[in-house]
C-alpha atoms as a PDB file:
ATOM      1  CA  MET A   1     227.479  91.508 107.405  1.00  0.00           C
ATOM      2  CA  ILE A   2     228.440  88.225 108.907  1.00  0.00           C
ATOM      3  CA  LYS A   3     225.523  85.597 109.113  1.00  0.00           C
ATOM      4  CA  VAL A   4     225.998  83.535 112.541  1.00  0.00           C
ATOM      5  CA  THR A   5     223.729  80.122 112.918  1.00  0.00           C
ATOM      6  CA  CYS A   6     223.700  79.026 116.724  1.00  0.00           C
ATOM      7  CA  PHE A   7     223.152  75.645 117.964  1.00  0.00           C
ATOM      8  CA  GLY A   8     222.829  74.092 121.503  1.00  0.00           C
ATOM      9  CA  HIS A   9     223.290  76.279 124.740  1.00  0.00           C
ATOM     10  CA  VAL A  10     224.918  79.033 122.083  1.00  0.00           C
ATOM     11  CA  ARG A  11     221.294  79.276 120.794  1.00  0.00           C
ATOM     12  CA  THR A  12     219.560  79.107 124.141  1.00  0.00           C
ATOM     13  CA  SER A  13     221.493  81.937 125.555  1.00  0.00           C
ATOM     14  CA  LEU A  14     221.032  84.111 122.466  1.00  0.00           C
ATOM     15  CA  GLY A  15     217.240  83.134 122.450  1.00  0.00           C
ATOM     16  CA  ARG A  16     217.190  82.993 118.595  1.00  0.00           C
ATOM     17  CA  ASP A  17     218.741  80.795 116.091  1.00  0.00           C
ATOM     18  CA  THR A  18     220.566  83.259 113.669  1.00  0.00           C
ATOM     19  CA  VAL A  19     221.987  86.773 113.991  1.00  0.00           C
ATOM     20  CA  GLU A  20     223.660  89.154 111.525  1.00  0.00           C
ATOM     21  CA  ILE A  21     226.520  91.059 112.774  1.00  0.00           C
ATOM     22  CA  GLU A  22     227.078  94.293 111.305  1.00  0.00           C
ATOM     23  CA  ALA A  23     231.103  94.430 110.565  1.00  0.00           C
ATOM     24  CA  ASP A  24     233.352  94.321 107.781  1.00  0.00           C
ATOM     25  CA  LYS A  25     236.005  92.432 109.806  1.00  0.00           C
ATOM     26  CA  ILE A  26     235.952  90.935 113.166  1.00  0.00           C
ATOM     27  CA  SER A  27     238.090  87.910 114.835  1.00  0.00           C
ATOM     28  CA  THR A  28     236.304  84.655 115.936  1.00  0.00           C
ATOM     29  CA  THR A  29     237.080  85.456 119.540  1.00  0.00           C
ATOM     30  CA  ALA A  30     235.457  88.995 119.187  1.00  0.00           C
ATOM     31  CA  LEU A  31     232.712  87.425 117.423  1.00  0.00           C
ATOM     32  CA  ILE A  32     231.983  85.047 120.392  1.00  0.00           C
ATOM     33  CA  GLU A  33     232.388  87.516 122.920  1.00  0.00           C
ATOM     34  CA  LYS A  34     229.841  89.924 120.954  1.00  0.00           C
ATOM     35  CA  ILE A  35     227.320  86.682 120.814  1.00  0.00           C
ATOM     36  CA  ARG A  36     227.883  86.313 124.667  1.00  0.00           C
ATOM     37  CA  GLU A  37     226.945  89.820 125.303  1.00  0.00           C
ATOM     38  CA  MET A  38     223.658  89.716 123.252  1.00  0.00           C
ATOM     39  CA  GLY A  39     222.835  86.740 125.231  1.00  0.00           C
ATOM     40  CA  ARG A  40     220.066  86.593 127.984  1.00  0.00           C
ATOM     41  CA  ALA A  41     221.696  84.273 130.159  1.00  0.00           C
ATOM     42  CA  ASP A  42     224.673  85.367 132.721  1.00  0.00           C
ATOM     43  CA  PRO A  43     227.509  85.965 130.435  1.00  0.00           C
ATOM     44  CA  ASN A  44     229.981  84.302 132.816  1.00  0.00           C
ATOM     45  CA  LEU A  45     227.997  81.092 132.138  1.00  0.00           C
ATOM     46  CA  GLY A  46     227.832  78.773 129.105  1.00  0.00           C
ATOM     47  CA  PHE A  47     229.734  79.180 125.955  1.00  0.00           C
ATOM     48  CA  THR A  48     233.422  80.550 125.442  1.00  0.00           C
ATOM     49  CA  LYS A  49     235.855  80.592 122.928  1.00  0.00           C
ATOM     50  CA  TYR A  50     237.167  77.482 124.747  1.00  0.00           C
ATOM     51  CA  ASN A  51     234.089  75.238 124.472  1.00  0.00           C
ATOM     52  CA  THR A  52     232.898  76.123 121.127  1.00  0.00           C
ATOM     53  CA  LEU A  53     233.541  75.095 117.573  1.00  0.00           C
ATOM     54  CA  VAL A  54     233.364  77.936 114.729  1.00  0.00           C
ATOM     55  CA  ILE A  55     232.670  76.618 111.493  1.00  0.00           C
ATOM     56  CA  VAL A  56     233.286  79.702 109.005  1.00  0.00           C
ATOM     57  CA  ASN A  57     231.853  79.009 105.330  1.00  0.00           C
ATOM     58  CA  GLY A  58     232.144  75.095 105.869  1.00  0.00           C
ATOM     59  CA  SER A  59     235.681  74.998 107.165  1.00  0.00           C
ATOM     60  CA  ALA A  60     236.127  74.224 111.282  1.00  0.00           C
ATOM     61  CA  TYR A  61     237.926  76.088 113.391  1.00  0.00           C
ATOM     62  CA  SER A  62     238.565  75.813 117.460  1.00  0.00           C
ATOM     63  CA  GLY A  63     237.436  79.057 118.651  1.00  0.00           C
ATOM     64  CA  ALA A  64     240.566  79.095 121.034  1.00  0.00           C
ATOM     65  CA  SER A  65     243.061  77.741 118.785  1.00  0.00           C
ATOM     66  CA  GLU A  66     242.838  79.812 115.839  1.00  0.00           C
ATOM     67  CA  ASP A  67     241.698  83.536 115.866  1.00  0.00           C
ATOM     68  CA  ARG A  68     240.730  83.788 112.262  1.00  0.00           C
ATOM     69  CA  ILE A  69     239.489  87.075 110.894  1.00  0.00           C
ATOM     70  CA  LEU A  70     236.075  86.817 109.417  1.00  0.00           C
ATOM     71  CA  GLU A  71     234.633  89.283 106.785  1.00  0.00           C
ATOM     72  CA  ASP A  72     231.499  90.853 105.156  1.00  0.00           C
ATOM     73  CA  GLY A  73     229.784  88.075 103.715  1.00  0.00           C
ATOM     74  CA  ASP A  74     231.150  85.129 105.834  1.00  0.00           C
ATOM     75  CA  GLU A  75     228.667  82.393 107.087  1.00  0.00           C
ATOM     76  CA  VAL A  76     229.380  81.297 110.769  1.00  0.00           C
ATOM     77  CA  ILE A  77     227.987  78.341 112.614  1.00  0.00           C
ATOM     78  CA  LEU A  78     228.959  78.391 116.401  1.00  0.00           C
ATOM     79  CA  LEU A  79     228.578  74.776 117.611  1.00  0.00           C
ATOM     80  CA  PRO A  80     229.288  74.094 121.513  1.00  0.00           C
ATOM     81  CA  PHE A  81     231.410  70.858 122.340  1.00  0.00           C
ATOM     82  CA  SER A  82     228.665  69.413 124.345  1.00  0.00           C
ATOM     83  CA  HIS A  83     225.623  70.375 122.053  1.00  0.00           C
ATOM     84  CA  GLY A  84     223.306  67.188 122.700  1.00  0.00           C
ATOM     85  CA  GLY A  85     221.624  65.327 119.889  1.00  0.00           C
END
């Protein structure tokens, strides 16, 4: 299970702060797409891998530049580049 904590408009689109994803392995790109599909908002709007910072177990990755493979037990934070205060 991969625990995902969401901030800013990612959280607003999802309608909750956290979600747990059942997956042994998943790429950061696939994770962002899965979260987008779960959201309440139009999936064509809002966050994408191009405007979201992915923090995995305390280390930051740009969703677009590094397609990291996530594994069971990882803790992920999705933080949009424009996230307010």
